[in-house]
C-alpha atoms as a PDB file:
ATOM      1  CA  MET A   1      68.379  99.968  97.264  1.00  0.00           C
ATOM      2  CA  ARG A   2      69.079  96.256  97.437  1.00  0.00           C
ATOM      3  CA  ILE A   3      72.792  95.558  96.892  1.00  0.00           C
ATOM      4  CA  PHE A   4      74.001  92.049  95.976  1.00  0.00           C
ATOM      5  CA  VAL A   5      77.668  91.762  97.019  1.00  0.00           C
ATOM      6  CA  THR A   6      79.766  88.838  95.827  1.00  0.00           C
ATOM      7  CA  GLY A   7      82.822  88.111  97.956  1.00  0.00           C
ATOM      8  CA  GLY A   8      81.322  89.944 100.895  1.00  0.00           C
ATOM      9  CA  ALA A   9      83.252  87.946 103.498  1.00  0.00           C
ATOM     10  CA  GLY A  10      86.586  89.003 102.024  1.00  0.00           C
ATOM     11  CA  PHE A  11      88.666  92.067 102.744  1.00  0.00           C
ATOM     12  CA  ILE A  12      87.154  94.737 100.478  1.00  0.00           C
ATOM     13  CA  GLY A  13      83.713  93.130 100.225  1.00  0.00           C
ATOM     14  CA  SER A  14      83.270  93.010 103.990  1.00  0.00           C
ATOM     15  CA  ALA A  15      84.413  96.627 104.318  1.00  0.00           C
ATOM     16  CA  LEU A  16      81.789  97.589 101.733  1.00  0.00           C
ATOM     17  CA  ILE A  17      79.071  95.692 103.589  1.00  0.00           C
ATOM     18  CA  ARG A  18      79.998  97.201 106.960  1.00  0.00           C
ATOM     19  CA  HIS A  19      79.934 100.652 105.360  1.00  0.00           C
ATOM     20  CA  LEU A  20      76.568 100.135 103.663  1.00  0.00           C
ATOM     21  CA  ILE A  21      74.844  98.754 106.746  1.00  0.00           C
ATOM     22  CA  GLU A  22      76.313 101.324 109.141  1.00  0.00           C
ATOM     23  CA  ASN A  23      76.161 104.454 106.945  1.00  0.00           C
ATOM     24  CA  THR A  24      73.306 103.998 104.452  1.00  0.00           C
ATOM     25  CA  ASP A  25      69.748 102.657 104.286  1.00  0.00           C
ATOM     26  CA  HIS A  26      70.584 100.056 101.618  1.00  0.00           C
ATOM     27  CA  GLU A  27      69.804  96.369 102.073  1.00  0.00           C
ATOM     28  CA  VAL A  28      72.674  93.952 101.438  1.00  0.00           C
ATOM     29  CA  LEU A  29      72.944  90.305 100.440  1.00  0.00           C
ATOM     30  CA  ASN A  30      76.398  88.829 101.025  1.00  0.00           C
ATOM     31  CA  PHE A  31      77.081  86.008  98.529  1.00  0.00           C
ATOM     32  CA  ASP A  32      80.344  84.267  99.397  1.00  0.00           C
ATOM     33  CA  LYS A  33      81.880  80.811  99.041  1.00  0.00           C
ATOM     34  CA  LEU A  34      83.877  81.240 102.287  1.00  0.00           C
ATOM     35  CA  THR A  35      87.230  80.155 100.871  1.00  0.00           C
ATOM     36  CA  TYR A  36      90.461  80.410 102.880  1.00  0.00           C
ATOM     37  CA  ALA A  37      90.395  84.227 102.634  1.00  0.00           C
ATOM     38  CA  GLY A  38      86.702  84.655 103.467  1.00  0.00           C
ATOM     39  CA  THR A  39      85.372  84.548 106.994  1.00  0.00           C
ATOM     40  CA  LEU A  40      82.080  85.783 108.411  1.00  0.00           C
ATOM     41  CA  SER A  41      83.942  87.274 111.368  1.00  0.00           C
ATOM     42  CA  THR A  42      84.604  90.243 109.076  1.00  0.00           C
ATOM     43  CA  VAL A  43      80.899  91.159 109.093  1.00  0.00           C
ATOM     44  CA  GLU A  44      80.044  89.943 112.573  1.00  0.00           C
ATOM     45  CA  ARG A  45      79.327  93.382 113.951  1.00  0.00           C
ATOM     46  CA  ILE A  46      76.520  94.038 111.419  1.00  0.00           C
ATOM     47  CA  ALA A  47      75.257  90.473 111.027  1.00  0.00           C
ATOM     48  CA  GLN A  48      72.162  91.035 113.184  1.00  0.00           C
ATOM     49  CA  SER A  49      70.903  93.939 111.067  1.00  0.00           C
ATOM     50  CA  ASN A  50      67.520  93.332 109.468  1.00  0.00           C
ATOM     51  CA  ARG A  51      68.972  94.861 106.274  1.00  0.00           C
ATOM     52  CA  TYR A  52      71.669  92.177 105.967  1.00  0.00           C
ATOM     53  CA  ARG A  53      71.516  88.568 104.866  1.00  0.00           C
ATOM     54  CA  PHE A  54      74.072  85.942 103.886  1.00  0.00           C
ATOM     55  CA  VAL A  55      73.998  83.196 101.253  1.00  0.00           C
ATOM     56  CA  LYS A  56      76.855  80.722 100.976  1.00  0.00           C
ATOM     57  CA  GLY A  57      77.502  80.185  97.300  1.00  0.00           C
ATOM     58  CA  ASP A  58      80.065  79.869  94.529  1.00  0.00           C
ATOM     59  CA  ILE A  59      79.977  82.399  91.686  1.00  0.00           C
ATOM     60  CA  CYS A  60      80.644  79.483  89.302  1.00  0.00           C
ATOM     61  CA  ASP A  61      77.397  77.808  90.427  1.00  0.00           C
ATOM     62  CA  ALA A  62      74.739  79.233  88.110  1.00  0.00           C
ATOM     63  CA  GLU A  63      71.792  77.584  89.840  1.00  0.00           C
ATOM     64  CA  THR A  64      72.639  78.947  93.303  1.00  0.00           C
ATOM     65  CA  LEU A  65      73.276  82.386  91.822  1.00  0.00           C
ATOM     66  CA  ARG A  66      69.977  82.338  89.949  1.00  0.00           C
ATOM     67  CA  HIS A  67      68.032  81.403  93.051  1.00  0.00           C
ATOM     68  CA  ALA A  68      69.724  84.105  95.162  1.00  0.00           C
ATOM     69  CA  LEU A  69      69.102  86.802  92.557  1.00  0.00           C
ATOM     70  CA  THR A  70      65.466  85.796  92.140  1.00  0.00           C
ATOM     71  CA  GLU A  71      64.842  85.769  95.890  1.00  0.00           C
ATOM     72  CA  PHE A  72      66.681  89.016  96.728  1.00  0.00           C
ATOM     73  CA  ARG A  73      65.812  91.010  93.586  1.00  0.00           C
ATOM     74  CA  PRO A  74      68.757  93.445  93.714  1.00  0.00           C
ATOM     75  CA  GLN A  75      69.009  96.773  91.937  1.00  0.00           C
ATOM     76  CA  ILE A  76      72.810  96.621  92.132  1.00  0.00           C
ATOM     77  CA  ILE A  77      75.288  93.761  91.821  1.00  0.00           C
ATOM     78  CA  THR A  78      78.768  94.581  93.092  1.00  0.00           C
ATOM     79  CA  HIS A  79      81.082  91.814  91.981  1.00  0.00           C
ATOM     80  CA  LEU A  80      84.121  91.516  94.271  1.00  0.00           C
ATOM     81  CA  ALA A  81      84.484  87.724  94.555  1.00  0.00           C
ATOM     82  CA  ALA A  82      87.925  86.802  93.199  1.00  0.00           C
ATOM     83  CA  GLU A  83      91.159  85.010  93.817  1.00  0.00           C
ATOM     84  CA  SER A  84      93.397  87.987  94.490  1.00  0.00           C
ATOM     85  CA  HIS A  85      96.914  87.089  95.634  1.00  0.00           C
ATOM     86  CA  VAL A  86      99.647  87.362  92.986  1.00  0.00           C
ATOM     87  CA  ASP A  87     101.943  84.902  94.772  1.00  0.00           C
ATOM     88  CA  ARG A  88      99.218  82.246  94.874  1.00  0.00           C
ATOM     89  CA  SER A  89      98.538  82.794  91.178  1.00  0.00           C
ATOM     90  CA  ILE A  90     102.163  81.958  90.419  1.00  0.00           C
ATOM     91  CA  ASP A  91     101.957  78.762  92.455  1.00  0.00           C
ATOM     92  CA  GLY A  92      98.532  77.708  91.124  1.00  0.00           C
ATOM     93  CA  PRO A  93      97.097  79.698  88.178  1.00  0.00           C
ATOM     94  CA  GLY A  94      94.170  77.338  87.547  1.00  0.00           C
ATOM     95  CA  ALA A  95      92.075  78.538  90.478  1.00  0.00           C
ATOM     96  CA  PHE A  96      92.414  82.119  89.230  1.00  0.00           C
ATOM     97  CA  ILE A  97      91.150  81.256  85.770  1.00  0.00           C
ATOM     98  CA  GLN A  98      88.224  79.335  87.237  1.00  0.00           C
ATOM     99  CA  THR A  99      87.095  81.943  89.756  1.00  0.00           C
ATOM    100  CA  ASN A 100      88.037  85.196  88.051  1.00  0.00           C
ATOM    101  CA  VAL A 101      87.245  84.331  84.429  1.00  0.00           C
ATOM    102  CA  VAL A 102      84.707  81.482  84.512  1.00  0.00           C
ATOM    103  CA  GLY A 103      83.096  82.873  87.669  1.00  0.00           C
ATOM    104  CA  THR A 104      82.719  86.334  86.162  1.00  0.00           C
ATOM    105  CA  TYR A 105      81.236  84.845  82.987  1.00  0.00           C
ATOM    106  CA  THR A 106      78.706  82.939  85.108  1.00  0.00           C
ATOM    107  CA  MET A 107      77.874  86.112  87.036  1.00  0.00           C
ATOM    108  CA  LEU A 108      77.338  88.030  83.796  1.00  0.00           C
ATOM    109  CA  ALA A 109      75.159  85.327  82.273  1.00  0.00           C
ATOM    110  CA  GLU A 110      72.908  85.144  85.332  1.00  0.00           C
ATOM    111  CA  ALA A 111      72.858  88.916  85.805  1.00  0.00           C
ATOM    112  CA  ARG A 112      71.818  89.404  82.187  1.00  0.00           C
ATOM    113  CA  SER A 113      69.018  86.839  82.479  1.00  0.00           C
ATOM    114  CA  TYR A 114      67.798  88.453  85.698  1.00  0.00           C
ATOM    115  CA  TRP A 115      68.012  91.972  84.214  1.00  0.00           C
ATOM    116  CA  GLN A 116      66.070  91.006  81.113  1.00  0.00           C
ATOM    117  CA  GLY A 117      63.230  89.821  83.335  1.00  0.00           C
ATOM    118  CA  LEU A 118      62.861  93.166  85.122  1.00  0.00           C
ATOM    119  CA  GLU A 119      60.144  95.700  84.402  1.00  0.00           C
ATOM    120  CA  ARG A 120      61.317  98.571  82.183  1.00  0.00           C
ATOM    121  CA  GLU A 121      61.919 101.117  84.957  1.00  0.00           C
ATOM    122  CA  ASP A 122      63.707  98.586  87.178  1.00  0.00           C
ATOM    123  CA  GLY A 123      65.827  97.460  84.251  1.00  0.00           C
ATOM    124  CA  GLN A 124      66.920 101.016  83.542  1.00  0.00           C
ATOM    125  CA  ALA A 125      67.966 101.474  87.174  1.00  0.00           C
ATOM    126  CA  PHE A 126      69.902  98.182  87.381  1.00  0.00           C
ATOM    127  CA  ARG A 127      73.719  98.185  87.495  1.00  0.00           C
ATOM    128  CA  PHE A 128      76.376  95.440  87.339  1.00  0.00           C
ATOM    129  CA  HIS A 129      79.496  96.830  89.029  1.00  0.00           C
ATOM    130  CA  HIS A 130      82.710  94.861  88.529  1.00  0.00           C
ATOM    131  CA  ILE A 131      85.573  95.617  90.934  1.00  0.00           C
ATOM    132  CA  SER A 132      89.043  95.105  89.488  1.00  0.00           C
ATOM    133  CA  THR A 133      92.675  96.125  89.934  1.00  0.00           C
ATOM    134  CA  ASP A 134      95.263  98.501  88.502  1.00  0.00           C
ATOM    135  CA  GLU A 135      97.503  95.478  87.917  1.00  0.00           C
ATOM    136  CA  VAL A 136      95.719  94.845  84.604  1.00  0.00           C
ATOM    137  CA  TYR A 137      97.653  97.807  83.178  1.00  0.00           C
ATOM    138  CA  GLY A 138     101.064  96.210  83.700  1.00  0.00           C
ATOM    139  CA  SER A 139     104.090  98.094  85.000  1.00  0.00           C
ATOM    140  CA  LEU A 140     104.972 101.798  84.803  1.00  0.00           C
ATOM    141  CA  GLY A 141     108.384 103.375  84.476  1.00  0.00           C
ATOM    142  CA  ASP A 142     109.642 106.016  86.883  1.00  0.00           C
ATOM    143  CA  THR A 143     107.033 108.516  85.700  1.00  0.00           C
ATOM    144  CA  GLY A 144     103.459 108.524  84.448  1.00  0.00           C
ATOM    145  CA  LEU A 145     100.101 107.363  85.779  1.00  0.00           C
ATOM    146  CA  PHE A 146      97.544 104.749  84.814  1.00  0.00           C
ATOM    147  CA  THR A 147      94.414 106.308  83.318  1.00  0.00           C
ATOM    148  CA  GLU A 148      91.196 104.645  82.256  1.00  0.00           C
ATOM    149  CA  ASP A 149      92.564 104.669  78.685  1.00  0.00           C
ATOM    150  CA  THR A 150      95.867 102.939  79.503  1.00  0.00           C
ATOM    151  CA  PRO A 151      96.237  99.782  77.362  1.00  0.00           C
ATOM    152  CA  TYR A 152      96.022  96.504  79.258  1.00  0.00           C
ATOM    153  CA  ASP A 153      99.338  94.698  79.761  1.00  0.00           C
ATOM    154  CA  PRO A 154      98.934  92.137  82.595  1.00  0.00           C
ATOM    155  CA  ARG A 155     102.140  90.470  83.797  1.00  0.00           C
ATOM    156  CA  SER A 156     101.015  87.793  86.284  1.00  0.00           C
ATOM    157  CA  PRO A 157      98.434  84.997  86.155  1.00  0.00           C
ATOM    158  CA  TYR A 158      96.378  87.010  88.667  1.00  0.00           C
ATOM    159  CA  SER A 159      96.375  90.230  86.647  1.00  0.00           C
ATOM    160  CA  ALA A 160      95.764  88.310  83.413  1.00  0.00           C
ATOM    161  CA  SER A 161      92.695  86.667  84.951  1.00  0.00           C
ATOM    162  CA  LYS A 162      91.388  90.048  86.121  1.00  0.00           C
ATOM    163  CA  ALA A 163      92.067  91.581  82.712  1.00  0.00           C
ATOM    164  CA  GLY A 164      90.052  88.774  81.172  1.00  0.00           C
ATOM    165  CA  SER A 165      87.170  89.380  83.546  1.00  0.00           C
ATOM    166  CA  ASP A 166      87.260  93.140  82.819  1.00  0.00           C
ATOM    167  CA  HIS A 167      87.006  92.442  79.087  1.00  0.00           C
ATOM    168  CA  LEU A 168      84.079  90.069  79.615  1.00  0.00           C
ATOM    169  CA  VAL A 169      82.190  92.718  81.604  1.00  0.00           C
ATOM    170  CA  SER A 170      82.872  95.345  78.952  1.00  0.00           C
ATOM    171  CA  ALA A 171      81.768  92.953  76.207  1.00  0.00           C
ATOM    172  CA  TRP A 172      78.470  92.205  77.986  1.00  0.00           C
ATOM    173  CA  GLY A 173      77.870  95.932  78.116  1.00  0.00           C
ATOM    174  CA  HIS A 174      78.619  96.494  74.426  1.00  0.00           C
ATOM    175  CA  THR A 175      77.033  93.330  73.027  1.00  0.00           C
ATOM    176  CA  PHE A 176      73.996  92.814  75.243  1.00  0.00           C
ATOM    177  CA  GLY A 177      73.419  96.321  76.613  1.00  0.00           C
ATOM    178  CA  LEU A 178      73.887  95.205  80.220  1.00  0.00           C
ATOM    179  CA  PRO A 179      74.416  98.391  82.273  1.00  0.00           C
ATOM    180  CA  VAL A 180      77.931  97.713  83.542  1.00  0.00           C
ATOM    181  CA  LEU A 181      80.445  99.690  85.584  1.00  0.00           C
ATOM    182  CA  ILE A 182      84.109  98.824  86.131  1.00  0.00           C
ATOM    183  CA  THR A 183      86.475 100.156  88.774  1.00  0.00           C
ATOM    184  CA  ASN A 184      90.218  99.514  88.851  1.00  0.00           C
ATOM    185  CA  CYS A 185      91.782 100.221  92.221  1.00  0.00           C
ATOM    186  CA  SER A 186      95.292 100.518  93.617  1.00  0.00           C
ATOM    187  CA  ASN A 187      96.687  98.535  96.576  1.00  0.00           C
ATOM    188  CA  ASN A 188      94.218  98.417  99.446  1.00  0.00           C
ATOM    189  CA  TYR A 189      95.126  98.119 103.126  1.00  0.00           C
ATOM    190  CA  GLY A 190      93.253  98.394 106.407  1.00  0.00           C
ATOM    191  CA  PRO A 191      91.365  96.305 109.014  1.00  0.00           C
ATOM    192  CA  TYR A 192      90.467  92.660 108.341  1.00  0.00           C
ATOM    193  CA  HIS A 193      93.108  92.280 105.623  1.00  0.00           C
ATOM    194  CA  PHE A 194      94.010  88.603 105.265  1.00  0.00           C
ATOM    195  CA  PRO A 195      97.580  88.124 106.593  1.00  0.00           C
ATOM    196  CA  GLU A 196      99.215  87.037 103.348  1.00  0.00           C
ATOM    197  CA  LYS A 197      99.365  90.548 101.850  1.00  0.00           C
ATOM    198  CA  LEU A 198     102.251  92.911 102.548  1.00  0.00           C
ATOM    199  CA  VAL A 199     100.868  95.166 105.292  1.00  0.00           C
ATOM    200  CA  PRO A 200      99.200  92.593 107.591  1.00  0.00           C
ATOM    201  CA  LEU A 201     101.950  90.056 106.905  1.00  0.00           C
ATOM    202  CA  MET A 202     104.634  92.489 108.079  1.00  0.00           C
ATOM    203  CA  ILE A 203     102.658  93.409 111.195  1.00  0.00           C
ATOM    204  CA  ALA A 204     102.076  89.772 112.152  1.00  0.00           C
ATOM    205  CA  LYS A 205     105.655  88.679 111.530  1.00  0.00           C
ATOM    206  CA  ALA A 206     107.097  91.702 113.321  1.00  0.00           C
ATOM    207  CA  LEU A 207     105.056  91.002 116.448  1.00  0.00           C
ATOM    208  CA  ASP A 208     106.107  87.337 116.369  1.00  0.00           C
ATOM    209  CA  GLY A 209     109.793  88.226 116.101  1.00  0.00           C
ATOM    210  CA  GLU A 210     110.136  86.638 112.674  1.00  0.00           C
ATOM    211  CA  PRO A 211     112.128  87.915 109.681  1.00  0.00           C
ATOM    212  CA  LEU A 212     110.251  90.465 107.571  1.00  0.00           C
ATOM    213  CA  PRO A 213     110.698  89.181 103.988  1.00  0.00           C
ATOM    214  CA  VAL A 214     111.010  92.013 101.470  1.00  0.00           C
ATOM    215  CA  TYR A 215     111.263  91.118  97.797  1.00  0.00           C
ATOM    216  CA  GLY A 216     114.602  92.227  96.319  1.00  0.00           C
ATOM    217  CA  ALA A 217     115.562  95.785  97.258  1.00  0.00           C
ATOM    218  CA  GLY A 218     111.960  96.614  98.167  1.00  0.00           C
ATOM    219  CA  ASP A 219     111.990  99.422  95.595  1.00  0.00           C
ATOM    220  CA  GLN A 220     108.734  98.392  93.903  1.00  0.00           C
ATOM    221  CA  VAL A 221     106.314 101.326  94.011  1.00  0.00           C
ATOM    222  CA  ARG A 222     102.603 101.012  94.768  1.00  0.00           C
ATOM    223  CA  ASP A 223      99.801 103.545  95.242  1.00  0.00           C
ATOM    224  CA  TRP A 224      98.224 102.781  98.628  1.00  0.00           C
ATOM    225  CA  LEU A 225      94.486 103.163  99.233  1.00  0.00           C
ATOM    226  CA  PHE A 226      92.813 102.832 102.640  1.00  0.00           C
ATOM    227  CA  VAL A 227      90.004 100.307 102.265  1.00  0.00           C
ATOM    228  CA  GLU A 228      87.353 102.542 103.830  1.00  0.00           C
ATOM    229  CA  ASP A 229      88.150 105.231 101.238  1.00  0.00           C
ATOM    230  CA  HIS A 230      87.808 102.584  98.540  1.00  0.00           C
ATOM    231  CA  VAL A 231      84.342 101.454  99.594  1.00  0.00           C
ATOM    232  CA  ARG A 232      83.114 105.059  99.611  1.00  0.00           C
ATOM    233  CA  ALA A 233      84.321 105.224  96.020  1.00  0.00           C
ATOM    234  CA  LEU A 234      82.468 102.016  95.161  1.00  0.00           C
ATOM    235  CA  GLN A 235      79.253 103.459  96.559  1.00  0.00           C
ATOM    236  CA  ALA A 236      79.730 106.639  94.531  1.00  0.00           C
ATOM    237  CA  VAL A 237      80.231 104.597  91.357  1.00  0.00           C
ATOM    238  CA  PHE A 238      77.256 102.259  91.651  1.00  0.00           C
ATOM    239  CA  GLU A 239      74.956 105.062  92.813  1.00  0.00           C
ATOM    240  CA  ARG A 240      76.010 107.811  90.382  1.00  0.00           C
ATOM    241  CA  GLY A 241      78.418 106.356  87.813  1.00  0.00           C
ATOM    242  CA  GLN A 242      77.634 106.322  84.104  1.00  0.00           C
ATOM    243  CA  PRO A 243      76.941 102.828  82.709  1.00  0.00           C
ATOM    244  CA  GLY A 244      79.676 101.654  80.376  1.00  0.00           C
ATOM    245  CA  ARG A 245      82.230 103.822  82.162  1.00  0.00           C
ATOM    246  CA  THR A 246      85.431 102.737  83.906  1.00  0.00           C
ATOM    247  CA  TYR A 247      86.706 104.587  86.985  1.00  0.00           C
ATOM    248  CA  ASN A 248      90.211 104.303  88.424  1.00  0.00           C
ATOM    249  CA  VAL A 249      90.356 104.530  92.216  1.00  0.00           C
ATOM    250  CA  GLY A 250      93.658 105.488  93.834  1.00  0.00           C
ATOM    251  CA  GLY A 251      94.910 106.831  97.117  1.00  0.00           C
ATOM    252  CA  ASN A 252      97.426 109.381  95.788  1.00  0.00           C
ATOM    253  CA  ASN A 253     100.004 107.710  98.041  1.00  0.00           C
ATOM    254  CA  GLU A 254     102.944 106.290  96.088  1.00  0.00           C
ATOM    255  CA  LYS A 255     105.367 104.405  98.339  1.00  0.00           C
ATOM    256  CA  GLN A 256     108.162 101.930  97.803  1.00  0.00           C
ATOM    257  CA  ASN A 257     107.528  98.602  99.514  1.00  0.00           C
ATOM    258  CA  ILE A 258     110.542  99.144 101.766  1.00  0.00           C
ATOM    259  CA  GLU A 259     109.079 102.514 102.840  1.00  0.00           C
ATOM    260  CA  VAL A 260     105.854 100.771 103.806  1.00  0.00           C
ATOM    261  CA  VAL A 261     107.715  98.184 105.887  1.00  0.00           C
ATOM    262  CA  ASP A 262     109.901 100.836 107.531  1.00  0.00           C
ATOM    263  CA  THR A 263     106.794 102.865 108.429  1.00  0.00           C
ATOM    264  CA  ILE A 264     105.093  99.845 109.984  1.00  0.00           C
ATOM    265  CA  CYS A 265     108.215  99.114 112.023  1.00  0.00           C
ATOM    266  CA  ALA A 266     108.440 102.721 113.246  1.00  0.00           C
ATOM    267  CA  ILE A 267     104.775 102.706 114.365  1.00  0.00           C
ATOM    268  CA  LEU A 268     105.241  99.399 116.180  1.00  0.00           C
ATOM    269  CA  ASP A 269     108.412 100.740 117.822  1.00  0.00           C
ATOM    270  CA  ARG A 270     106.289 103.542 119.251  1.00  0.00           C
ATOM    271  CA  LEU A 271     103.113 101.637 120.137  1.00  0.00           C
ATOM    272  CA  GLN A 272     104.494  98.252 121.249  1.00  0.00           C
ATOM    273  CA  PRO A 273     108.298  98.361 121.575  1.00  0.00           C
ATOM    274  CA  ARG A 274     110.306  95.167 121.427  1.00  0.00           C
ATOM    275  CA  ALA A 275     111.377  93.850 124.838  1.00  0.00           C
ATOM    276  CA  ASP A 276     115.067  94.007 123.870  1.00  0.00           C
ATOM    277  CA  GLY A 277     114.848  97.662 122.896  1.00  0.00           C
ATOM    278  CA  ASN A 278     115.813  97.061 119.280  1.00  0.00           C
ATOM    279  CA  SER A 279     113.773  98.343 116.372  1.00  0.00           C
ATOM    280  CA  TYR A 280     111.452  96.008 114.485  1.00  0.00           C
ATOM    281  CA  ALA A 281     113.342  97.213 111.408  1.00  0.00           C
ATOM    282  CA  SER A 282     116.216  94.945 112.466  1.00  0.00           C
ATOM    283  CA  GLN A 283     113.994  92.023 111.394  1.00  0.00           C
ATOM    284  CA  ILE A 284     113.823  93.178 107.746  1.00  0.00           C
ATOM    285  CA  THR A 285     115.313  90.575 105.416  1.00  0.00           C
ATOM    286  CA  SER A 286     115.782  90.777 101.659  1.00  0.00           C
ATOM    287  CA  VAL A 287     114.569  87.685  99.777  1.00  0.00           C
ATOM    288  CA  ALA A 288     114.671  86.695  96.114  1.00  0.00           C
ATOM    289  CA  ASP A 289     112.222  88.697  94.053  1.00  0.00           C
ATOM    290  CA  ARG A 290     109.126  86.975  92.713  1.00  0.00           C
ATOM    291  CA  PRO A 291     108.987  86.186  88.979  1.00  0.00           C
ATOM    292  CA  GLY A 292     107.651  88.974  86.764  1.00  0.00           C
ATOM    293  CA  HIS A 293     107.355  91.458  89.646  1.00  0.00           C
ATOM    294  CA  ASP A 294     105.904  94.737  88.335  1.00  0.00           C
ATOM    295  CA  LYS A 295     108.071  97.733  89.183  1.00  0.00           C
ATOM    296  CA  ARG A 296     105.576 100.533  89.682  1.00  0.00           C
ATOM    297  CA  TYR A 297     101.829 101.152  89.773  1.00  0.00           C
ATOM    298  CA  ALA A 298     100.311 104.622  90.088  1.00  0.00           C
ATOM    299  CA  ILE A 299      96.721 105.722  89.525  1.00  0.00           C
ATOM    300  CA  ASP A 300      95.292 108.880  87.986  1.00  0.00           C
ATOM    301  CA  ALA A 301      91.986 109.140  89.859  1.00  0.00           C
ATOM    302  CA  SER A 302      90.905 112.466  88.346  1.00  0.00           C
ATOM    303  CA  ARG A 303      87.859 111.006  86.558  1.00  0.00           C
ATOM    304  CA  ILE A 304      86.163 109.755  89.722  1.00  0.00           C
ATOM    305  CA  ARG A 305      87.152 112.982  91.477  1.00  0.00           C
ATOM    306  CA  ASP A 306      85.770 115.255  88.769  1.00  0.00           C
ATOM    307  CA  GLU A 307      82.667 113.271  87.799  1.00  0.00           C
ATOM    308  CA  LEU A 308      81.600 111.733  91.115  1.00  0.00           C
ATOM    309  CA  ASP A 309      83.199 114.086  93.660  1.00  0.00           C
ATOM    310  CA  TRP A 310      85.209 111.361  95.387  1.00  0.00           C
ATOM    311  CA  THR A 311      88.601 111.874  96.995  1.00  0.00           C
ATOM    312  CA  PRO A 312      90.416 109.766  99.610  1.00  0.00           C
ATOM    313  CA  ALA A 313      90.037 111.010 103.167  1.00  0.00           C
ATOM    314  CA  GLU A 314      93.136 109.232 104.498  1.00  0.00           C
ATOM    315  CA  THR A 315      96.764 109.910 103.727  1.00  0.00           C
ATOM    316  CA  PHE A 316      99.067 106.911 103.870  1.00  0.00           C
ATOM    317  CA  GLU A 317     100.391 108.166 107.208  1.00  0.00           C
ATOM    318  CA  THR A 318      96.963 108.397 108.853  1.00  0.00           C
ATOM    319  CA  GLY A 319      95.666 105.205 107.280  1.00  0.00           C
ATOM    320  CA  ILE A 320      98.652 103.037 108.171  1.00  0.00           C
ATOM    321  CA  GLU A 321      98.552 104.303 111.763  1.00  0.00           C
ATOM    322  CA  LYS A 322      94.891 103.247 112.033  1.00  0.00           C
ATOM    323  CA  THR A 323      95.723  99.893 110.458  1.00  0.00           C
ATOM    324  CA  VAL A 324      98.594  99.032 112.785  1.00  0.00           C
ATOM    325  CA  ARG A 325      96.528 100.029 115.805  1.00  0.00           C
ATOM    326  CA  TRP A 326      93.671  97.806 114.579  1.00  0.00           C
ATOM    327  CA  TYR A 327      95.958  94.776 114.290  1.00  0.00           C
ATOM    328  CA  LEU A 328      97.378  95.407 117.750  1.00  0.00           C
ATOM    329  CA  ASP A 329      93.855  95.595 119.164  1.00  0.00           C
ATOM    330  CA  ASN A 330      92.512  92.578 117.254  1.00  0.00           C
ATOM    331  CA  GLU A 331      95.068  89.814 117.583  1.00  0.00           C
ATOM    332  CA  ALA A 332      92.226  87.385 118.317  1.00  0.00           C
ATOM    333  CA  TRP A 333      91.067  87.840 114.726  1.00  0.00           C
ATOM    334  CA  TRP A 334      94.330  87.344 112.828  1.00  0.00           C
ATOM    335  CA  ARG A 335      96.342  84.997 115.043  1.00  0.00           C
ATOM    336  CA  PRO A 336      94.291  81.879 114.177  1.00  0.00           C
ATOM    337  CA  LEU A 337      94.813  82.667 110.489  1.00  0.00           C
ATOM    338  CA  VAL A 338      98.575  82.926 110.985  1.00  0.00           C
ATOM    339  CA  ALA A 339      98.567  79.727 113.054  1.00  0.00           C
ATOM    340  CA  ALA A 340      96.961  77.938 110.107  1.00  0.00           C
ATOM    341  CA  LYS A 341     100.088  78.883 108.103  1.00  0.00           C
ATOM    342  CA  ALA A 342      98.007  80.926 105.716  1.00  0.00           C
ATOM    343  CA  SER A 343     100.657  83.660 105.814  1.00  0.00           C
ATOM    344  CA  GLU A 344     103.603  81.632 104.543  1.00  0.00           C
ATOM    345  CA  ARG A 345     105.591  83.159 101.711  1.00  0.00           C
ATOM    346  CA  ARG A 346     104.453  82.068  98.259  1.00  0.00           C
ATOM    347  CA  GLY A 347     105.190  82.943  94.645  1.00  0.00           C
ATOM    348  CA  VAL A 348     108.770  81.696  94.631  1.00  0.00           C
ATOM    349  CA  VAL A 349     108.385  79.320  91.695  1.00  0.00           C
ATOM    350  CA  ALA A 350     110.537  80.581  88.814  1.00  0.00           C
END
């Protein structure tokens, strides 16, 4: 099939493209604006494939979208392009509304127009797959799991913008009959993760001998999902998922943030010990918590397991080991990003 991927130069989008080119026969068009968090170095190793092409474009630009869709004629649109960092959404919510809400509306409008112009059989096979987050569900207590029926309760400008985009996609399915799919995933980690998020930020700062800033007591709980497991789930959903259905994707790996940081430090202690013999954990520093910080996220991924036969292959322990090793082996990729001060702490505005 021909797969149109928005945000394909970002973290999850690039992992999906690498997976599709290396492990399937699908053709891929990467549609990306190349913002601060998008770089074509993430897809460099597959860029010469005759099944891959790139178009620089903004999902808010209807004309560029229309031209790309008409030229490529995809059977699947996987919509990953988004502003995604909670801290940045606290500092500047406007960009999140523009990209995540207005951009998704523009995508839906152009996708619908394109879909309506397809022959009957092609139209029946078409899918619009929207990739979202578990953060739209709000915050859990000490027990319980998010299911696909959990009411939405977003707590940050980022999660509110994603909740809005989810509702738009669902509405286009109900109102216009567009064959839509939605996935809500837990916290991703892995190679090529932009160094503003927790895992790559801690690795980079640890190696540079800087303090490791942990919000509050670090007792916020997240379900961690290795990005390569996630993209296998995305493929399962757009190939075999039922239109109109939502699928939660989780890693079955609940960890407190402080546990994640401690684990990273222990792996670095083993693989690249500090010259002074001290543990990297000595660099951990507690900082003021960010406003509205959700306490716990946890995913019930039984629907995608039971209906589409997907389960994560990596435990947190195996996945985080692979991730740390990747960052040690690929400093040439992330160091320029850190040097550009892209990894500074944000989200401190009360």
